[in-house]
C-alpha atoms as a PDB file:
ATOM      1  CA  MET A   1      86.414  -0.627 152.745  1.00  0.00           C
ATOM      2  CA  LYS A   2      83.615  -3.668 152.385  1.00  0.00           C
ATOM      3  CA  VAL A   3      80.334  -3.169 151.312  1.00  0.00           C
ATOM      4  CA  ILE A   4      77.492  -2.652 154.031  1.00  0.00           C
ATOM      5  CA  LYS A   5      74.703  -4.716 153.467  1.00  0.00           C
ATOM      6  CA  ILE A   6      70.937  -3.457 155.027  1.00  0.00           C
ATOM      7  CA  SER A   7      68.207  -5.102 155.084  1.00  0.00           C
ATOM      8  CA  ILE A   8      64.582  -4.263 153.482  1.00  0.00           C
ATOM      9  CA  LYS A   9      61.540  -5.949 154.205  1.00  0.00           C
ATOM     10  CA  THR A  10      58.307  -4.183 152.054  1.00  0.00           C
ATOM     11  CA  SER A  11      55.125  -4.858 152.056  1.00  0.00           C
ATOM     12  CA  GLU A  12      53.320  -3.611 149.021  1.00  0.00           C
ATOM     13  CA  ARG A  13      53.940  -5.014 145.469  1.00  0.00           C
ATOM     14  CA  ASN A  14      54.786  -1.149 144.588  1.00  0.00           C
ATOM     15  CA  GLU A  15      56.519   0.719 147.151  1.00  0.00           C
ATOM     16  CA  PHE A  16      58.785   3.456 148.153  1.00  0.00           C
ATOM     17  CA  LEU A  17      60.492   3.138 151.644  1.00  0.00           C
ATOM     18  CA  ASP A  18      62.642   6.004 152.877  1.00  0.00           C
ATOM     19  CA  ILE A  19      65.840   4.802 153.837  1.00  0.00           C
ATOM     20  CA  THR A  20      68.168   7.929 154.221  1.00  0.00           C
ATOM     21  CA  ASP A  21      68.574   7.536 158.144  1.00  0.00           C
ATOM     22  CA  ARG A  22      70.050   4.075 157.419  1.00  0.00           C
ATOM     23  CA  ILE A  23      72.186   5.314 155.182  1.00  0.00           C
ATOM     24  CA  ARG A  24      73.037   8.076 157.007  1.00  0.00           C
ATOM     25  CA  ASP A  25      74.223   5.192 159.228  1.00  0.00           C
ATOM     26  CA  ALA A  26      76.244   3.500 157.373  1.00  0.00           C
ATOM     27  CA  VAL A  27      78.076   6.687 156.161  1.00  0.00           C
ATOM     28  CA  TYR A  28      78.550   7.807 159.960  1.00  0.00           C
ATOM     29  CA  ASN A  29      79.929   4.463 161.149  1.00  0.00           C
ATOM     30  CA  SER A  30      82.194   4.028 158.401  1.00  0.00           C
ATOM     31  CA  ASN A  31      84.318   7.326 160.037  1.00  0.00           C
ATOM     32  CA  THR A  32      84.793   8.391 156.825  1.00  0.00           C
ATOM     33  CA  LYS A  33      85.111  12.588 155.843  1.00  0.00           C
ATOM     34  CA  SER A  34      84.418  13.031 152.521  1.00  0.00           C
ATOM     35  CA  GLY A  35      84.673  10.852 149.368  1.00  0.00           C
ATOM     36  CA  ILE A  36      81.120   9.063 147.886  1.00  0.00           C
ATOM     37  CA  ALA A  37      78.657   6.217 149.179  1.00  0.00           C
ATOM     38  CA  ILE A  38      77.736   4.232 145.865  1.00  0.00           C
ATOM     39  CA  VAL A  39      73.795   2.878 146.868  1.00  0.00           C
ATOM     40  CA  TYR A  40      72.984   0.173 145.408  1.00  0.00           C
ATOM     41  CA  THR A  41      70.337  -2.539 145.351  1.00  0.00           C
ATOM     42  CA  PRO A  42      70.994  -6.666 143.025  1.00  0.00           C
ATOM     43  CA  HIS A  43      67.535  -6.826 142.700  1.00  0.00           C
ATOM     44  CA  THR A  44      66.308  -6.095 139.104  1.00  0.00           C
ATOM     45  CA  THR A  45      63.292  -5.440 139.844  1.00  0.00           C
ATOM     46  CA  ALA A  46      63.352  -3.085 142.543  1.00  0.00           C
ATOM     47  CA  GLY A  47      65.017   0.511 142.287  1.00  0.00           C
ATOM     48  CA  ILE A  48      67.314   2.854 144.608  1.00  0.00           C
ATOM     49  CA  THR A  49      66.138   6.591 143.859  1.00  0.00           C
ATOM     50  CA  ILE A  50      66.630  10.358 145.282  1.00  0.00           C
ATOM     51  CA  ASN A  51      63.447  12.617 144.909  1.00  0.00           C
ATOM     52  CA  GLU A  52      61.611  14.776 148.126  1.00  0.00           C
ATOM     53  CA  ASN A  53      60.736  13.532 150.896  1.00  0.00           C
ATOM     54  CA  ALA A  54      59.233  16.380 152.793  1.00  0.00           C
ATOM     55  CA  ASP A  55      56.157  15.357 151.184  1.00  0.00           C
ATOM     56  CA  PRO A  56      54.289  11.564 150.809  1.00  0.00           C
ATOM     57  CA  SER A  57      52.640  12.527 148.332  1.00  0.00           C
ATOM     58  CA  VAL A  58      55.182  12.322 145.997  1.00  0.00           C
ATOM     59  CA  LYS A  59      56.140   9.033 146.257  1.00  0.00           C
ATOM     60  CA  LYS A  60      52.766   8.185 145.617  1.00  0.00           C
ATOM     61  CA  ASP A  61      52.706  10.357 142.484  1.00  0.00           C
ATOM     62  CA  ILE A  62      55.932   8.731 141.197  1.00  0.00           C
ATOM     63  CA  ILE A  63      54.402   4.884 142.099  1.00  0.00           C
ATOM     64  CA  ASN A  64      50.912   6.029 140.313  1.00  0.00           C
ATOM     65  CA  PHE A  65      52.359   7.665 137.040  1.00  0.00           C
ATOM     66  CA  LEU A  66      54.745   4.016 136.715  1.00  0.00           C
ATOM     67  CA  ASN A  67      51.766   2.077 137.393  1.00  0.00           C
ATOM     68  CA  LYS A  68      49.319   3.956 134.608  1.00  0.00           C
ATOM     69  CA  LYS A  69      52.057   3.512 132.431  1.00  0.00           C
ATOM     70  CA  ILE A  70      53.891   0.838 133.017  1.00  0.00           C
ATOM     71  CA  PRO A  71      51.023  -1.736 133.973  1.00  0.00           C
ATOM     72  CA  TYR A  72      50.610  -4.858 136.104  1.00  0.00           C
ATOM     73  CA  HIS A  73      49.222  -6.668 133.100  1.00  0.00           C
ATOM     74  CA  GLY A  74      50.252  -5.257 129.665  1.00  0.00           C
ATOM     75  CA  ASP A  75      51.667  -7.446 125.995  1.00  0.00           C
ATOM     76  CA  TYR A  76      54.381  -8.491 127.801  1.00  0.00           C
ATOM     77  CA  LYS A  77      56.367 -11.855 127.060  1.00  0.00           C
ATOM     78  CA  HIS A  78      58.447 -12.270 130.604  1.00  0.00           C
ATOM     79  CA  MET A  79      56.242 -15.824 131.731  1.00  0.00           C
ATOM     80  CA  GLU A  80      56.859 -15.014 135.149  1.00  0.00           C
ATOM     81  CA  GLY A  81      54.119 -12.285 135.184  1.00  0.00           C
ATOM     82  CA  ASN A  82      56.224  -9.387 136.231  1.00  0.00           C
ATOM     83  CA  ALA A  83      57.532  -8.218 133.456  1.00  0.00           C
ATOM     84  CA  ASP A  84      56.452  -4.997 133.954  1.00  0.00           C
ATOM     85  CA  SER A  85      58.668  -4.855 137.267  1.00  0.00           C
ATOM     86  CA  HIS A  86      61.593  -5.089 135.495  1.00  0.00           C
ATOM     87  CA  ILE A  87      61.085  -2.270 133.108  1.00  0.00           C
ATOM     88  CA  LYS A  88      60.557  -0.013 136.098  1.00  0.00           C
ATOM     89  CA  SER A  89      63.939  -1.063 137.496  1.00  0.00           C
ATOM     90  CA  SER A  90      65.192  -0.353 134.599  1.00  0.00           C
ATOM     91  CA  LEU A  91      63.763   2.728 134.249  1.00  0.00           C
ATOM     92  CA  ILE A  92      64.734   3.974 138.137  1.00  0.00           C
ATOM     93  CA  GLY A  93      67.633   2.039 138.199  1.00  0.00           C
ATOM     94  CA  CYS A  94      69.573   0.528 140.463  1.00  0.00           C
ATOM     95  CA  SER A  95      72.257   2.807 142.000  1.00  0.00           C
ATOM     96  CA  GLU A  96      72.838   6.174 143.232  1.00  0.00           C
ATOM     97  CA  THR A  97      75.965   8.027 143.915  1.00  0.00           C
ATOM     98  CA  LEU A  98      76.305  10.326 147.264  1.00  0.00           C
ATOM     99  CA  ILE A  99      78.846  12.821 148.281  1.00  0.00           C
ATOM    100  CA  ILE A 100      80.375  12.093 151.723  1.00  0.00           C
ATOM    101  CA  GLU A 101      81.329  15.839 153.219  1.00  0.00           C
ATOM    102  CA  ASP A 102      82.034  16.668 156.645  1.00  0.00           C
ATOM    103  CA  GLY A 103      81.511  12.699 157.378  1.00  0.00           C
ATOM    104  CA  ARG A 104      78.173  13.759 155.897  1.00  0.00           C
ATOM    105  CA  ILE A 105      75.975  12.431 153.079  1.00  0.00           C
ATOM    106  CA  GLN A 106      75.141  15.923 151.499  1.00  0.00           C
ATOM    107  CA  LEU A 107      71.636  15.890 150.292  1.00  0.00           C
ATOM    108  CA  GLY A 108      69.596  19.073 149.295  1.00  0.00           C
ATOM    109  CA  THR A 109      66.743  20.051 151.981  1.00  0.00           C
ATOM    110  CA  TRP A 110      63.777  18.671 150.545  1.00  0.00           C
ATOM    111  CA  GLN A 111      65.686  15.104 149.357  1.00  0.00           C
ATOM    112  CA  GLY A 112      65.260  11.900 150.619  1.00  0.00           C
ATOM    113  CA  ILE A 113      67.071   8.147 149.139  1.00  0.00           C
ATOM    114  CA  PHE A 114      64.917   5.327 148.553  1.00  0.00           C
ATOM    115  CA  PHE A 115      64.162   1.785 148.210  1.00  0.00           C
ATOM    116  CA  CYS A 116      61.853   1.735 144.320  1.00  0.00           C
ATOM    117  CA  GLU A 117      59.760  -1.675 145.334  1.00  0.00           C
ATOM    118  CA  PHE A 118      58.047  -3.299 142.196  1.00  0.00           C
ATOM    119  CA  ASP A 119      57.889  -7.053 142.796  1.00  0.00           C
ATOM    120  CA  GLY A 120      57.080  -7.321 146.788  1.00  0.00           C
ATOM    121  CA  PRO A 121      56.127  -8.238 149.024  1.00  0.00           C
ATOM    122  CA  ARG A 122      59.843  -9.334 149.121  1.00  0.00           C
ATOM    123  CA  ARG A 123      62.890  -9.640 151.803  1.00  0.00           C
ATOM    124  CA  ARG A 124      65.711  -7.263 149.724  1.00  0.00           C
ATOM    125  CA  GLU A 125      68.783  -5.656 150.157  1.00  0.00           C
ATOM    126  CA  VAL A 126      70.753  -2.379 149.432  1.00  0.00           C
ATOM    127  CA  TRP A 127      74.306  -2.497 149.501  1.00  0.00           C
ATOM    128  CA  VAL A 128      76.709   0.706 150.302  1.00  0.00           C
ATOM    129  CA  LYS A 129      80.212   0.678 148.847  1.00  0.00           C
ATOM    130  CA  ILE A 130      82.034   4.010 150.941  1.00  0.00           C
ATOM    131  CA  ILE A 131      84.954   5.208 148.792  1.00  0.00           C
ATOM    132  CA  GLN A 132      87.211   7.605 151.243  1.00  0.00           C
ATOM    133  CA  ASP A 133      89.172  10.460 149.677  1.00  0.00           C
END
């Protein structure tokens, strides 16, 4: 199965966008009944994570924590001025692996899939690779 590419447009420097429905649609349209979906972003200043999507304050708390621990302006050597974005991306990670059963991604009750922007606003991509059992 080929890679499904999803376009993302962010509007803030640091932002978590809930992409759960877009990933569900990709899996549904693949007609995969059982397998795994790898959700990946090919950017060094972005990430993918799974966390609570019921309460929007959770994503704000995560961003605030990261910004406090990894400030925009720090004692960085990277010349482009976005070293904090690279560090945040490395800590969060650029992919998640999801289980597919009965044609659906398996998430906990409160879980959602987030695209994490750390150097926006930008146009980005999320790639989904589905591997059937």
